[in-house]
């Protein structure tokens, strides 16, 4: 979809039996008419999920198992720049549509394979959905409240990350092709993308042998760096260094003694005493409503923000100023 957003003509080849599975992942769905109320948006076959990830694509259906269908695909492959496929490894090769076959048809073709676990290894034939890889590649283990069961992330973060990795690899391959004249085979998968996405959590384990745990909204290595309760809601505070912590204590909370308290003098000591620190900060914040605190934080130099629902997110003045949503008539 990002390639289409950048101007590529993207032709999506879907199953002849109902198309892409996500077409039926509803409710909600798109309204049958642009004049239909949103409350009735469950009557259309186009799910909101499908529309979210298929913007600017043209769709066709082709029967891979017929001679006519293969001829159509061969003609397409011979003239396109990029092919993206997400079949279980080896399946397209059995149909004569694997990397080697397509490279012969079009030596300049960039062939991008996206799978659950990669093109080799003992798990290569396993199907992989986002939520399964979240579980198996560590993300679910670190998501949720301490002492509570693991949770999935609220969106398909592993799918999205893998798509971004694939997008970058495809763009790099197209640039490389200008010098070599040859296409390449890209092996991108959910499992490795998610492990790469563990970032500092992975580094903590690889360097120090430190097993990760769940901290809710808190950061395992920084404090105070989490959601705090106010009188009528929650705000996120990210005091990432001593200067920001001092500003929080002195300018916002009006508790300057926190800065010289040995329990909170350094980030390491604040992390060690995070429960007590959270208790002190919360005692102050719950006395006033969220709007009061948001005004006090403004201009303080401390990263902060309200925890918004989806409506509040799209109504956000910055979202409107940046034109994140564009409405069109179709």
C-alpha atoms as a PDB file:
ATOM      1  CA  UNK A   1       0.000   0.000   0.000  1.00  0.00           C
ATOM      2  CA  UNK A   2       2.866   2.393   0.760  1.00  0.00           C
ATOM      3  CA  UNK A   3       4.270   1.726  -2.712  1.00  0.00           C
ATOM      4  CA  UNK A   4       0.870   2.647  -4.149  1.00  0.00           C
ATOM      5  CA  UNK A   5       0.811   5.799  -2.026  1.00  0.00           C
ATOM      6  CA  UNK A   6       4.152   6.743  -3.591  1.00  0.00           C
ATOM      7  CA  UNK A   7       2.716   6.336  -7.090  1.00  0.00           C
ATOM      8  CA  UNK A   8       3.196   2.678  -7.993  1.00  0.00           C
ATOM      9  CA  UNK A   9       0.458   0.957  -9.996  1.00  0.00           C
ATOM     10  CA  UNK A  10      -0.345  -1.936  -7.651  1.00  0.00           C
ATOM     11  CA  UNK A  11      -2.330  -4.898  -8.990  1.00  0.00           C
ATOM     12  CA  UNK A  12      -3.551  -7.159  -6.190  1.00  0.00           C
ATOM     13  CA  UNK A  13      -4.186 -10.766  -7.237  1.00  0.00           C
ATOM     14  CA  UNK A  14      -6.858 -12.278  -5.001  1.00  0.00           C
ATOM     15  CA  UNK A  15      -8.366 -15.718  -4.519  1.00  0.00           C
ATOM     16  CA  UNK A  16     -11.130 -16.765  -6.914  1.00  0.00           C
ATOM     17  CA  UNK A  17     -13.136 -18.028  -3.921  1.00  0.00           C
ATOM     18  CA  UNK A  18     -14.142 -14.862  -2.104  1.00  0.00           C
ATOM     19  CA  UNK A  19     -11.037 -12.759  -2.570  1.00  0.00           C
ATOM     20  CA  UNK A  20      -8.772 -11.594   0.244  1.00  0.00           C
ATOM     21  CA  UNK A  21      -9.813 -13.079   3.611  1.00  0.00           C
ATOM     22  CA  UNK A  22      -9.868  -9.621   5.199  1.00  0.00           C
ATOM     23  CA  UNK A  23     -12.785  -8.579   2.969  1.00  0.00           C
ATOM     24  CA  UNK A  24     -15.019 -10.530   5.352  1.00  0.00           C
ATOM     25  CA  UNK A  25     -13.340  -9.431   8.609  1.00  0.00           C
ATOM     26  CA  UNK A  26     -16.327  -7.429   9.781  1.00  0.00           C
ATOM     27  CA  UNK A  27     -18.229  -5.699  11.281  1.00  0.00           C
ATOM     28  CA  UNK A  28     -17.685  -2.863  10.787  1.00  0.00           C
ATOM     29  CA  UNK A  29     -17.862  -2.443   7.020  1.00  0.00           C
ATOM     30  CA  UNK A  30     -18.022   0.469   4.638  1.00  0.00           C
ATOM     31  CA  UNK A  31     -21.517   1.954   4.134  1.00  0.00           C
ATOM     32  CA  UNK A  32     -23.265   0.962   0.916  1.00  0.00           C
ATOM     33  CA  UNK A  33     -23.677   4.647   0.074  1.00  0.00           C
ATOM     34  CA  UNK A  34     -21.655   7.728   0.946  1.00  0.00           C
ATOM     35  CA  UNK A  35     -24.922   9.157   2.263  1.00  0.00           C
ATOM     36  CA  UNK A  36     -25.618   6.196   4.535  1.00  0.00           C
ATOM     37  CA  UNK A  37     -25.237   6.769   8.284  1.00  0.00           C
ATOM     38  CA  UNK A  38     -22.172   5.236   9.892  1.00  0.00           C
ATOM     39  CA  UNK A  39     -24.419   3.237  12.216  1.00  0.00           C
ATOM     40  CA  UNK A  40     -25.562   1.197   9.197  1.00  0.00           C
ATOM     41  CA  UNK A  41     -22.003   0.436   8.092  1.00  0.00           C
ATOM     42  CA  UNK A  42     -22.367  -3.316   8.411  1.00  0.00           C
ATOM     43  CA  UNK A  43     -24.248  -3.998   5.183  1.00  0.00           C
ATOM     44  CA  UNK A  44     -21.405  -3.707   2.667  1.00  0.00           C
ATOM     45  CA  UNK A  45     -19.118  -6.628   1.766  1.00  0.00           C
ATOM     46  CA  UNK A  46     -16.121  -4.280   2.070  1.00  0.00           C
ATOM     47  CA  UNK A  47     -14.817  -4.550   5.624  1.00  0.00           C
ATOM     48  CA  UNK A  48     -13.186  -1.559   7.269  1.00  0.00           C
ATOM     49  CA  UNK A  49     -10.179  -3.807   7.933  1.00  0.00           C
ATOM     50  CA  UNK A  50      -9.727  -4.594   4.231  1.00  0.00           C
ATOM     51  CA  UNK A  51     -10.048  -0.950   3.260  1.00  0.00           C
ATOM     52  CA  UNK A  52      -7.451   0.061   5.866  1.00  0.00           C
ATOM     53  CA  UNK A  53      -4.658  -1.860   4.140  1.00  0.00           C
ATOM     54  CA  UNK A  54      -5.681  -1.871   0.470  1.00  0.00           C
ATOM     55  CA  UNK A  55      -5.824   1.804  -0.410  1.00  0.00           C
ATOM     56  CA  UNK A  56      -4.931   2.668  -4.038  1.00  0.00           C
ATOM     57  CA  UNK A  57      -4.735  -0.962  -5.202  1.00  0.00           C
ATOM     58  CA  UNK A  58      -6.459  -2.528  -8.205  1.00  0.00           C
ATOM     59  CA  UNK A  59      -7.743  -6.054  -7.605  1.00  0.00           C
ATOM     60  CA  UNK A  60      -8.118  -9.007  -9.962  1.00  0.00           C
ATOM     61  CA  UNK A  61      -8.787 -12.705  -9.421  1.00  0.00           C
ATOM     62  CA  UNK A  62      -6.823 -15.391 -11.238  1.00  0.00           C
ATOM     63  CA  UNK A  63      -7.066 -19.181 -11.054  1.00  0.00           C
ATOM     64  CA  UNK A  64      -3.458 -20.300 -10.573  1.00  0.00           C
ATOM     65  CA  UNK A  65      -4.359 -23.911 -11.330  1.00  0.00           C
ATOM     66  CA  UNK A  66      -5.420 -23.399 -14.945  1.00  0.00           C
ATOM     67  CA  UNK A  67      -3.281 -22.930 -18.024  1.00  0.00           C
ATOM     68  CA  UNK A  68      -5.150 -19.730 -18.855  1.00  0.00           C
ATOM     69  CA  UNK A  69      -4.590 -18.358 -15.361  1.00  0.00           C
ATOM     70  CA  UNK A  70      -0.866 -19.079 -15.451  1.00  0.00           C
ATOM     71  CA  UNK A  71      -0.571 -17.415 -18.855  1.00  0.00           C
ATOM     72  CA  UNK A  72      -2.169 -14.261 -17.450  1.00  0.00           C
ATOM     73  CA  UNK A  73       0.266 -14.246 -14.534  1.00  0.00           C
ATOM     74  CA  UNK A  74       3.274 -14.921 -16.772  1.00  0.00           C
ATOM     75  CA  UNK A  75       2.365 -11.930 -18.952  1.00  0.00           C
ATOM     76  CA  UNK A  76       2.061  -9.724 -15.880  1.00  0.00           C
ATOM     77  CA  UNK A  77       5.311 -10.951 -14.352  1.00  0.00           C
ATOM     78  CA  UNK A  78       7.200 -10.326 -17.589  1.00  0.00           C
ATOM     79  CA  UNK A  79       6.509  -6.597 -17.432  1.00  0.00           C
ATOM     80  CA  UNK A  80       6.174  -5.595 -13.766  1.00  0.00           C
ATOM     81  CA  UNK A  81       8.938  -4.192 -11.563  1.00  0.00           C
ATOM     82  CA  UNK A  82       8.004  -5.883  -8.291  1.00  0.00           C
ATOM     83  CA  UNK A  83       6.160  -9.023  -7.235  1.00  0.00           C
ATOM     84  CA  UNK A  84       5.065  -9.388  -3.600  1.00  0.00           C
ATOM     85  CA  UNK A  85       3.774 -12.767  -2.411  1.00  0.00           C
ATOM     86  CA  UNK A  86       2.789 -14.175   0.970  1.00  0.00           C
ATOM     87  CA  UNK A  87       2.360 -17.886   0.303  1.00  0.00           C
ATOM     88  CA  UNK A  88       3.809 -20.584   2.545  1.00  0.00           C
ATOM     89  CA  UNK A  89       7.404 -21.089   1.297  1.00  0.00           C
ATOM     90  CA  UNK A  90       7.661 -23.519  -1.600  1.00  0.00           C
ATOM     91  CA  UNK A  91       4.019 -23.409  -2.634  1.00  0.00           C
ATOM     92  CA  UNK A  92       4.474 -21.018  -5.564  1.00  0.00           C
ATOM     93  CA  UNK A  93       7.459 -23.011  -6.836  1.00  0.00           C
ATOM     94  CA  UNK A  94       5.158 -26.014  -7.220  1.00  0.00           C
ATOM     95  CA  UNK A  95       2.984 -23.874  -9.505  1.00  0.00           C
ATOM     96  CA  UNK A  96       5.933 -22.643 -11.555  1.00  0.00           C
ATOM     97  CA  UNK A  97       5.791 -19.193  -9.969  1.00  0.00           C
ATOM     98  CA  UNK A  98       8.746 -19.346  -7.593  1.00  0.00           C
ATOM     99  CA  UNK A  99      11.713 -16.967  -7.615  1.00  0.00           C
ATOM    100  CA  UNK A 100      13.720 -18.974 -10.151  1.00  0.00           C
ATOM    101  CA  UNK A 101      10.763 -19.274 -12.535  1.00  0.00           C
ATOM    102  CA  UNK A 102       9.886 -15.591 -12.356  1.00  0.00           C
ATOM    103  CA  UNK A 103      13.518 -14.484 -12.644  1.00  0.00           C
ATOM    104  CA  UNK A 104      13.728 -16.319 -15.971  1.00  0.00           C
ATOM    105  CA  UNK A 105      10.607 -14.522 -17.190  1.00  0.00           C
ATOM    106  CA  UNK A 106      11.861 -11.131 -16.015  1.00  0.00           C
ATOM    107  CA  UNK A 107      15.509 -10.862 -14.884  1.00  0.00           C
ATOM    108  CA  UNK A 108      14.880  -7.317 -13.578  1.00  0.00           C
ATOM    109  CA  UNK A 109      12.026  -8.421 -11.324  1.00  0.00           C
ATOM    110  CA  UNK A 110      12.258  -7.661  -7.602  1.00  0.00           C
ATOM    111  CA  UNK A 111      10.599 -10.686  -5.976  1.00  0.00           C
ATOM    112  CA  UNK A 112       9.529 -10.070  -2.369  1.00  0.00           C
ATOM    113  CA  UNK A 113       8.408 -13.037  -0.281  1.00  0.00           C
ATOM    114  CA  UNK A 114       6.614 -12.303   2.991  1.00  0.00           C
ATOM    115  CA  UNK A 115       5.989 -15.280   5.259  1.00  0.00           C
ATOM    116  CA  UNK A 116       5.502 -16.207   8.872  1.00  0.00           C
ATOM    117  CA  UNK A 117       8.964 -17.609   9.604  1.00  0.00           C
ATOM    118  CA  UNK A 118      11.148 -17.218   6.509  1.00  0.00           C
ATOM    119  CA  UNK A 119      12.126 -19.300   3.491  1.00  0.00           C
ATOM    120  CA  UNK A 120      14.170 -21.888   5.399  1.00  0.00           C
ATOM    121  CA  UNK A 121      14.520 -23.375   8.861  1.00  0.00           C
ATOM    122  CA  UNK A 122      12.336 -25.913  10.705  1.00  0.00           C
ATOM    123  CA  UNK A 123       9.341 -23.548  10.919  1.00  0.00           C
ATOM    124  CA  UNK A 124       9.312 -22.405   7.287  1.00  0.00           C
ATOM    125  CA  UNK A 125       6.102 -24.297   6.479  1.00  0.00           C
ATOM    126  CA  UNK A 126       4.191 -23.036   9.515  1.00  0.00           C
ATOM    127  CA  UNK A 127       1.447 -20.487   8.844  1.00  0.00           C
ATOM    128  CA  UNK A 128       1.961 -17.247  10.745  1.00  0.00           C
ATOM    129  CA  UNK A 129      -0.586 -14.660  11.849  1.00  0.00           C
ATOM    130  CA  UNK A 130       0.367 -11.461  13.620  1.00  0.00           C
ATOM    131  CA  UNK A 131      -1.007 -12.525  17.003  1.00  0.00           C
ATOM    132  CA  UNK A 132       0.803 -15.886  16.853  1.00  0.00           C
ATOM    133  CA  UNK A 133       4.134 -14.234  16.101  1.00  0.00           C
ATOM    134  CA  UNK A 134       3.516 -11.631  18.819  1.00  0.00           C
ATOM    135  CA  UNK A 135       3.313 -14.569  21.205  1.00  0.00           C
ATOM    136  CA  UNK A 136       6.201 -16.608  19.833  1.00  0.00           C
ATOM    137  CA  UNK A 137       8.670 -13.764  19.262  1.00  0.00           C
ATOM    138  CA  UNK A 138       8.472 -12.168  22.696  1.00  0.00           C
ATOM    139  CA  UNK A 139       6.173  -9.177  22.201  1.00  0.00           C
ATOM    140  CA  UNK A 140       3.193 -10.590  24.062  1.00  0.00           C
ATOM    141  CA  UNK A 141       5.402 -11.590  26.983  1.00  0.00           C
ATOM    142  CA  UNK A 142       6.285  -7.940  27.649  1.00  0.00           C
ATOM    143  CA  UNK A 143       2.805  -6.506  26.994  1.00  0.00           C
ATOM    144  CA  UNK A 144       0.331  -6.080  29.847  1.00  0.00           C
ATOM    145  CA  UNK A 145       0.304  -5.265  33.537  1.00  0.00           C
ATOM    146  CA  UNK A 146       2.789  -6.755  36.003  1.00  0.00           C
ATOM    147  CA  UNK A 147       1.388  -9.873  37.641  1.00  0.00           C
ATOM    148  CA  UNK A 148      -1.364 -10.188  35.036  1.00  0.00           C
ATOM    149  CA  UNK A 149      -1.642 -12.452  31.959  1.00  0.00           C
ATOM    150  CA  UNK A 150       0.154 -11.380  28.765  1.00  0.00           C
ATOM    151  CA  UNK A 151      -1.813  -9.251  26.279  1.00  0.00           C
ATOM    152  CA  UNK A 152      -1.776  -8.745  22.545  1.00  0.00           C
ATOM    153  CA  UNK A 153      -0.935  -5.299  21.223  1.00  0.00           C
ATOM    154  CA  UNK A 154      -4.003  -3.260  20.234  1.00  0.00           C
ATOM    155  CA  UNK A 155      -3.170  -3.261  16.507  1.00  0.00           C
ATOM    156  CA  UNK A 156      -1.375  -5.774  14.270  1.00  0.00           C
ATOM    157  CA  UNK A 157       2.010  -4.242  15.089  1.00  0.00           C
ATOM    158  CA  UNK A 158       4.035  -7.208  13.807  1.00  0.00           C
ATOM    159  CA  UNK A 159       2.224  -7.213  10.465  1.00  0.00           C
ATOM    160  CA  UNK A 160       2.764  -3.470  10.124  1.00  0.00           C
ATOM    161  CA  UNK A 161       6.453  -3.664  11.040  1.00  0.00           C
ATOM    162  CA  UNK A 162       7.029  -6.478   8.553  1.00  0.00           C
ATOM    163  CA  UNK A 163       5.350  -4.464   5.817  1.00  0.00           C
ATOM    164  CA  UNK A 164       7.595  -1.500   6.585  1.00  0.00           C
ATOM    165  CA  UNK A 165      10.714  -3.689   6.471  1.00  0.00           C
ATOM    166  CA  UNK A 166       9.548  -5.140   3.145  1.00  0.00           C
ATOM    167  CA  UNK A 167       8.829  -1.661   1.775  1.00  0.00           C
ATOM    168  CA  UNK A 168      12.346  -0.495   2.624  1.00  0.00           C
ATOM    169  CA  UNK A 169      13.921  -3.625   1.156  1.00  0.00           C
ATOM    170  CA  UNK A 170      11.937  -3.258  -2.070  1.00  0.00           C
ATOM    171  CA  UNK A 171      12.971   0.373  -2.476  1.00  0.00           C
ATOM    172  CA  UNK A 172      16.621  -0.562  -1.864  1.00  0.00           C
ATOM    173  CA  UNK A 173      16.367  -3.408  -4.389  1.00  0.00           C
ATOM    174  CA  UNK A 174      14.959  -1.079  -7.044  1.00  0.00           C
ATOM    175  CA  UNK A 175      17.868   1.315  -6.521  1.00  0.00           C
ATOM    176  CA  UNK A 176      20.353  -1.571  -6.643  1.00  0.00           C
ATOM    177  CA  UNK A 177      18.813  -2.788  -9.897  1.00  0.00           C
ATOM    178  CA  UNK A 178      19.711   0.497 -11.565  1.00  0.00           C
ATOM    179  CA  UNK A 179      23.365  -0.449 -11.144  1.00  0.00           C
ATOM    180  CA  UNK A 180      23.245  -4.213 -11.669  1.00  0.00           C
ATOM    181  CA  UNK A 181      20.379  -4.583 -14.124  1.00  0.00           C
ATOM    182  CA  UNK A 182      19.192  -7.559 -12.088  1.00  0.00           C
ATOM    183  CA  UNK A 183      16.317  -8.108  -9.711  1.00  0.00           C
ATOM    184  CA  UNK A 184      16.726  -9.837  -6.337  1.00  0.00           C
ATOM    185  CA  UNK A 185      14.759 -12.139  -4.057  1.00  0.00           C
ATOM    186  CA  UNK A 186      13.730 -10.539  -0.758  1.00  0.00           C
ATOM    187  CA  UNK A 187      12.978 -12.855   2.182  1.00  0.00           C
ATOM    188  CA  UNK A 188      10.953 -10.884   4.752  1.00  0.00           C
ATOM    189  CA  UNK A 189       9.034 -12.550   7.562  1.00  0.00           C
ATOM    190  CA  UNK A 190       6.985 -11.775  10.655  1.00  0.00           C
ATOM    191  CA  UNK A 191       9.163 -13.746  13.069  1.00  0.00           C
ATOM    192  CA  UNK A 192      12.450 -11.962  12.364  1.00  0.00           C
ATOM    193  CA  UNK A 193      10.759  -8.576  12.008  1.00  0.00           C
ATOM    194  CA  UNK A 194       9.266  -8.942  15.468  1.00  0.00           C
ATOM    195  CA  UNK A 195      12.541 -10.107  17.029  1.00  0.00           C
ATOM    196  CA  UNK A 196      14.262  -7.082  15.467  1.00  0.00           C
ATOM    197  CA  UNK A 197      11.475  -4.939  16.911  1.00  0.00           C
ATOM    198  CA  UNK A 198      12.323  -6.046  20.455  1.00  0.00           C
ATOM    199  CA  UNK A 199      15.119  -3.447  20.244  1.00  0.00           C
ATOM    200  CA  UNK A 200      16.394  -2.559  23.739  1.00  0.00           C
ATOM    201  CA  UNK A 201      14.533  -5.516  25.268  1.00  0.00           C
ATOM    202  CA  UNK A 202      16.548  -7.864  23.053  1.00  0.00           C
ATOM    203  CA  UNK A 203      19.755  -5.975  23.826  1.00  0.00           C
ATOM    204  CA  UNK A 204      19.125  -6.237  27.571  1.00  0.00           C
ATOM    205  CA  UNK A 205      18.943 -10.005  27.217  1.00  0.00           C
ATOM    206  CA  UNK A 206      21.814 -10.487  24.751  1.00  0.00           C
ATOM    207  CA  UNK A 207      24.240  -8.218  26.612  1.00  0.00           C
ATOM    208  CA  UNK A 208      23.241  -8.660  30.246  1.00  0.00           C
ATOM    209  CA  UNK A 209      21.177 -11.857  30.272  1.00  0.00           C
ATOM    210  CA  UNK A 210      18.243  -9.866  31.664  1.00  0.00           C
ATOM    211  CA  UNK A 211      14.877 -11.525  31.132  1.00  0.00           C
ATOM    212  CA  UNK A 212      12.071  -9.074  30.380  1.00  0.00           C
ATOM    213  CA  UNK A 213       8.806  -8.695  32.259  1.00  0.00           C
ATOM    214  CA  UNK A 214       5.541  -6.797  31.955  1.00  0.00           C
ATOM    215  CA  UNK A 215       5.355  -3.211  33.209  1.00  0.00           C
ATOM    216  CA  UNK A 216       2.017  -1.962  31.866  1.00  0.00           C
ATOM    217  CA  UNK A 217       2.572   1.537  30.481  1.00  0.00           C
ATOM    218  CA  UNK A 218       5.868   1.950  32.361  1.00  0.00           C
ATOM    219  CA  UNK A 219       9.343   1.826  30.827  1.00  0.00           C
ATOM    220  CA  UNK A 220      11.575  -0.892  32.308  1.00  0.00           C
ATOM    221  CA  UNK A 221      14.648   1.371  32.395  1.00  0.00           C
ATOM    222  CA  UNK A 222      13.285   4.895  32.996  1.00  0.00           C
ATOM    223  CA  UNK A 223      11.151   6.476  35.744  1.00  0.00           C
ATOM    224  CA  UNK A 224       8.827   8.288  35.909  1.00  0.00           C
ATOM    225  CA  UNK A 225       7.865   7.186  32.417  1.00  0.00           C
ATOM    226  CA  UNK A 226       4.292   5.855  32.394  1.00  0.00           C
ATOM    227  CA  UNK A 227       0.600   6.700  32.603  1.00  0.00           C
ATOM    228  CA  UNK A 228      -0.599   8.514  35.710  1.00  0.00           C
ATOM    229  CA  UNK A 229      -4.133   8.906  36.981  1.00  0.00           C
ATOM    230  CA  UNK A 230      -5.736  12.342  37.303  1.00  0.00           C
ATOM    231  CA  UNK A 231      -9.100  13.231  38.795  1.00  0.00           C
ATOM    232  CA  UNK A 232     -10.960  12.445  35.571  1.00  0.00           C
ATOM    233  CA  UNK A 233      -8.621  10.432  33.372  1.00  0.00           C
ATOM    234  CA  UNK A 234      -5.011   9.583  32.599  1.00  0.00           C
ATOM    235  CA  UNK A 235      -1.985  11.357  31.195  1.00  0.00           C
ATOM    236  CA  UNK A 236       1.290   9.925  29.958  1.00  0.00           C
ATOM    237  CA  UNK A 237       4.460  11.417  31.425  1.00  0.00           C
ATOM    238  CA  UNK A 238       7.935  10.752  30.057  1.00  0.00           C
ATOM    239  CA  UNK A 239      10.627  12.309  32.247  1.00  0.00           C
ATOM    240  CA  UNK A 240      13.597  10.783  30.464  1.00  0.00           C
ATOM    241  CA  UNK A 241      16.485  12.560  32.217  1.00  0.00           C
ATOM    242  CA  UNK A 242      17.391  14.446  35.405  1.00  0.00           C
ATOM    243  CA  UNK A 243      16.576  17.851  33.914  1.00  0.00           C
ATOM    244  CA  UNK A 244      13.093  16.748  32.928  1.00  0.00           C
ATOM    245  CA  UNK A 245      12.529  15.123  36.323  1.00  0.00           C
ATOM    246  CA  UNK A 246      13.528  18.362  38.047  1.00  0.00           C
ATOM    247  CA  UNK A 247      11.076  20.287  35.870  1.00  0.00           C
ATOM    248  CA  UNK A 248       8.340  17.812  36.765  1.00  0.00           C
ATOM    249  CA  UNK A 249       9.001  18.141  40.497  1.00  0.00           C
ATOM    250  CA  UNK A 250       9.495  21.909  40.586  1.00  0.00           C
ATOM    251  CA  UNK A 251       7.350  23.386  37.799  1.00  0.00           C
ATOM    252  CA  UNK A 252       4.434  20.973  37.563  1.00  0.00           C
ATOM    253  CA  UNK A 253       3.982  19.148  40.868  1.00  0.00           C
ATOM    254  CA  UNK A 254       5.376  21.873  43.153  1.00  0.00           C
ATOM    255  CA  UNK A 255       7.377  19.311  45.139  1.00  0.00           C
ATOM    256  CA  UNK A 256      10.968  20.634  44.776  1.00  0.00           C
ATOM    257  CA  UNK A 257      12.233  18.363  47.568  1.00  0.00           C
ATOM    258  CA  UNK A 258      11.907  15.386  45.212  1.00  0.00           C
ATOM    259  CA  UNK A 259      14.954  16.615  43.305  1.00  0.00           C
ATOM    260  CA  UNK A 260      17.258  16.325  46.334  1.00  0.00           C
ATOM    261  CA  UNK A 261      15.670  13.175  47.745  1.00  0.00           C
ATOM    262  CA  UNK A 262      18.365  10.469  47.493  1.00  0.00           C
ATOM    263  CA  UNK A 263      15.727   7.941  46.458  1.00  0.00           C
ATOM    264  CA  UNK A 264      15.101   9.925  43.286  1.00  0.00           C
ATOM    265  CA  UNK A 265      18.423  11.688  42.644  1.00  0.00           C
ATOM    266  CA  UNK A 266      19.338   9.631  39.561  1.00  0.00           C
ATOM    267  CA  UNK A 267      17.435   7.635  37.006  1.00  0.00           C
ATOM    268  CA  UNK A 268      18.817   4.406  38.471  1.00  0.00           C
ATOM    269  CA  UNK A 269      17.560   5.329  41.936  1.00  0.00           C
ATOM    270  CA  UNK A 270      14.189   6.393  40.535  1.00  0.00           C
ATOM    271  CA  UNK A 271      13.831   3.038  38.779  1.00  0.00           C
ATOM    272  CA  UNK A 272      14.764   1.229  42.002  1.00  0.00           C
ATOM    273  CA  UNK A 273      12.113   3.233  43.884  1.00  0.00           C
ATOM    274  CA  UNK A 274       9.572   3.553  41.089  1.00  0.00           C
ATOM    275  CA  UNK A 275       6.605   2.334  43.189  1.00  0.00           C
ATOM    276  CA  UNK A 276       7.133   4.979  45.870  1.00  0.00           C
ATOM    277  CA  UNK A 277       7.742   7.645  43.244  1.00  0.00           C
ATOM    278  CA  UNK A 278       4.539   6.731  41.435  1.00  0.00           C
ATOM    279  CA  UNK A 279       2.626   6.909  44.707  1.00  0.00           C
ATOM    280  CA  UNK A 280       3.921  10.429  45.423  1.00  0.00           C
ATOM    281  CA  UNK A 281       3.231  11.720  41.915  1.00  0.00           C
ATOM    282  CA  UNK A 282      -0.243  10.171  41.782  1.00  0.00           C
ATOM    283  CA  UNK A 283      -1.233  11.687  45.146  1.00  0.00           C
ATOM    284  CA  UNK A 284      -0.773  15.114  43.599  1.00  0.00           C
ATOM    285  CA  UNK A 285      -2.225  14.430  40.149  1.00  0.00           C
ATOM    286  CA  UNK A 286      -5.522  12.938  41.379  1.00  0.00           C
ATOM    287  CA  UNK A 287      -6.405  16.210  43.105  1.00  0.00           C
ATOM    288  CA  UNK A 288      -7.095  18.030  39.807  1.00  0.00           C
ATOM    289  CA  UNK A 289      -8.640  17.189  36.453  1.00  0.00           C
ATOM    290  CA  UNK A 290      -6.684  16.261  33.357  1.00  0.00           C
ATOM    291  CA  UNK A 291      -7.155  19.604  31.635  1.00  0.00           C
ATOM    292  CA  UNK A 292      -5.550  21.413  34.574  1.00  0.00           C
ATOM    293  CA  UNK A 293      -2.448  19.242  34.396  1.00  0.00           C
ATOM    294  CA  UNK A 294      -2.169  19.422  30.622  1.00  0.00           C
ATOM    295  CA  UNK A 295      -2.019  23.216  30.919  1.00  0.00           C
ATOM    296  CA  UNK A 296       0.666  22.993  33.616  1.00  0.00           C
ATOM    297  CA  UNK A 297       2.762  20.606  31.534  1.00  0.00           C
ATOM    298  CA  UNK A 298       2.582  22.854  28.473  1.00  0.00           C
ATOM    299  CA  UNK A 299       5.882  24.686  28.114  1.00  0.00           C
ATOM    300  CA  UNK A 300       7.566  22.705  30.902  1.00  0.00           C
ATOM    301  CA  UNK A 301       9.917  20.841  28.575  1.00  0.00           C
ATOM    302  CA  UNK A 302       8.589  17.495  29.790  1.00  0.00           C
ATOM    303  CA  UNK A 303       7.180  15.077  27.184  1.00  0.00           C
ATOM    304  CA  UNK A 304       3.529  14.507  28.085  1.00  0.00           C
ATOM    305  CA  UNK A 305       0.181  13.762  26.548  1.00  0.00           C
ATOM    306  CA  UNK A 306      -3.361  12.698  27.329  1.00  0.00           C
ATOM    307  CA  UNK A 307      -4.430   9.108  26.778  1.00  0.00           C
ATOM    308  CA  UNK A 308      -7.009   9.658  24.051  1.00  0.00           C
ATOM    309  CA  UNK A 309      -9.667   7.378  22.659  1.00  0.00           C
ATOM    310  CA  UNK A 310      -9.960   7.030  18.871  1.00  0.00           C
ATOM    311  CA  UNK A 311     -12.487   9.863  18.457  1.00  0.00           C
ATOM    312  CA  UNK A 312     -10.274  12.185  20.496  1.00  0.00           C
ATOM    313  CA  UNK A 313      -7.308  11.134  18.377  1.00  0.00           C
ATOM    314  CA  UNK A 314      -8.966  12.107  15.094  1.00  0.00           C
ATOM    315  CA  UNK A 315     -10.363  15.292  16.658  1.00  0.00           C
ATOM    316  CA  UNK A 316      -6.878  16.262  17.871  1.00  0.00           C
ATOM    317  CA  UNK A 317      -5.887  19.749  16.656  1.00  0.00           C
ATOM    318  CA  UNK A 318      -2.523  18.469  15.423  1.00  0.00           C
ATOM    319  CA  UNK A 319      -4.202  15.714  13.396  1.00  0.00           C
ATOM    320  CA  UNK A 320      -6.465  18.301  11.790  1.00  0.00           C
ATOM    321  CA  UNK A 321      -3.628  20.760  11.170  1.00  0.00           C
ATOM    322  CA  UNK A 322      -1.529  18.098   9.452  1.00  0.00           C
ATOM    323  CA  UNK A 323      -4.403  16.858   7.292  1.00  0.00           C
ATOM    324  CA  UNK A 324      -3.965  13.229   8.323  1.00  0.00           C
ATOM    325  CA  UNK A 325      -7.468  12.343   7.135  1.00  0.00           C
ATOM    326  CA  UNK A 326      -8.579  13.211   3.615  1.00  0.00           C
ATOM    327  CA  UNK A 327     -12.219  12.724   2.664  1.00  0.00           C
ATOM    328  CA  UNK A 328     -13.032  11.908  -0.968  1.00  0.00           C
ATOM    329  CA  UNK A 329     -16.233  11.032  -2.810  1.00  0.00           C
ATOM    330  CA  UNK A 330     -16.144   7.759  -4.722  1.00  0.00           C
END
